[in-house]
Protein backbone atom coordinates (compact mmCIF):
# COMPACT_ATOMS: atom_id res chain seq x y z
CA MET A 1 96.04 123.23 103.89
CA THR A 2 94.05 123.30 100.72
CA ALA A 3 92.78 125.29 98.23
CA GLN A 4 89.76 125.43 95.87
CA VAL A 5 91.11 126.44 92.31
CA THR A 6 89.30 126.59 88.92
CA VAL A 7 90.93 124.27 86.47
CA LEU A 8 90.43 125.40 82.65
CA TYR A 9 90.97 123.03 80.07
CA PHE A 10 91.44 124.07 76.37
CA ALA A 11 91.76 122.32 73.23
CA LYS A 12 93.12 118.91 73.40
CA SER A 13 93.34 119.03 77.50
CA ALA A 14 89.59 119.78 77.17
CA GLU A 15 89.13 116.83 74.69
CA LEU A 16 91.10 114.27 76.86
CA SER A 17 89.28 115.53 80.24
CA GLY A 18 86.04 115.64 78.66
CA ILE A 19 85.51 118.91 80.42
CA LYS A 20 86.03 122.56 79.95
CA SER A 21 86.29 123.19 83.55
CA GLU A 22 86.22 122.03 87.28
CA VAL A 23 86.95 123.07 90.67
CA LEU A 24 89.47 120.85 92.57
CA SER A 25 91.13 120.85 95.87
CA VAL A 26 94.86 120.70 95.91
CA PRO A 27 97.55 121.77 98.46
CA GLN A 28 98.26 125.39 98.83
CA GLN A 29 101.90 124.82 98.39
CA LEU A 30 103.13 122.38 95.82
CA THR A 31 105.37 122.60 92.90
CA SER A 32 104.29 123.05 89.32
CA LEU A 33 105.12 119.37 88.75
CA GLN A 34 102.90 118.39 91.74
CA LEU A 35 100.18 120.59 90.47
CA TRP A 36 100.39 118.87 87.23
CA GLN A 37 100.02 115.64 88.82
CA GLU A 38 97.03 116.53 90.97
CA ILE A 39 95.32 117.33 87.61
CA VAL A 40 96.61 114.17 85.81
CA ASN A 41 95.56 112.06 89.07
CA GLU A 42 91.52 113.45 88.17
CA HIS A 43 92.11 112.84 84.28
CA PRO A 44 94.95 110.25 83.60
CA ARG A 45 94.34 110.55 79.77
CA LEU A 46 96.09 114.21 80.39
CA GLY A 47 99.50 112.38 80.95
CA THR A 48 99.69 111.85 76.94
CA ILE A 49 100.27 115.72 76.51
CA ARG A 50 102.71 116.11 79.65
CA ASP A 51 105.76 116.91 77.74
CA HIS A 52 103.98 119.56 75.79
CA VAL A 53 101.76 121.18 78.08
CA ILE A 54 102.03 124.51 79.71
CA LEU A 55 100.10 125.68 82.94
CA ALA A 56 98.92 129.43 83.76
CA VAL A 57 98.42 130.05 87.45
CA ARG A 58 96.54 133.54 87.85
CA GLN A 59 97.27 134.05 84.09
CA VAL A 60 100.92 133.80 84.19
CA TYR A 61 102.62 131.03 82.33
CA ILE A 62 104.79 128.76 84.43
CA VAL A 63 106.73 125.62 83.31
CA LEU A 64 106.28 121.92 84.93
CA GLY A 65 109.20 121.48 87.17
CA ASP A 66 110.29 122.35 90.95
CA GLN A 67 109.00 126.07 90.69
CA LEU A 68 106.96 126.48 94.15
CA LEU A 69 103.54 128.02 94.07
CA PHE A 70 101.45 129.54 96.69
CA LEU A 71 97.84 128.78 95.52
CA GLU A 72 94.89 130.84 97.09
CA PRO A 73 91.17 129.51 97.24
CA GLY A 74 89.83 130.81 93.93
CA ASP A 75 92.71 130.82 91.68
CA GLU A 76 92.65 130.03 88.29
CA ILE A 77 94.78 127.16 86.74
CA ALA A 78 94.49 126.81 82.43
CA VAL A 79 95.78 123.92 81.15
CA ILE A 80 97.17 124.86 77.56
CA PRO A 81 98.20 121.85 75.42
CA PRO A 82 100.21 122.66 72.09
CA ILE A 83 98.58 124.49 69.60
CA SER A 84 99.22 123.18 65.94
CA GLY A 85 99.24 126.37 63.29
CA GLY A 86 98.70 126.32 59.37
């Protein structure tokens, strides 16, 4: 089963993807790392920030790895790259 989710891109991830948001169809059950790979498949340039990116699912931060996710249609996924401050 798949779910239509809204992916929101911020800062560097928006720059690399060329968009601020989109709707993707992804498996309803997958790991956080598999979710990242689904997003990178759509926007390969995002692979350059893989070691620094944080995802948020339903406004909860998740680490890329083996964490199992259960996505529902309409869920929001945020791609949050590192923020440089000064």
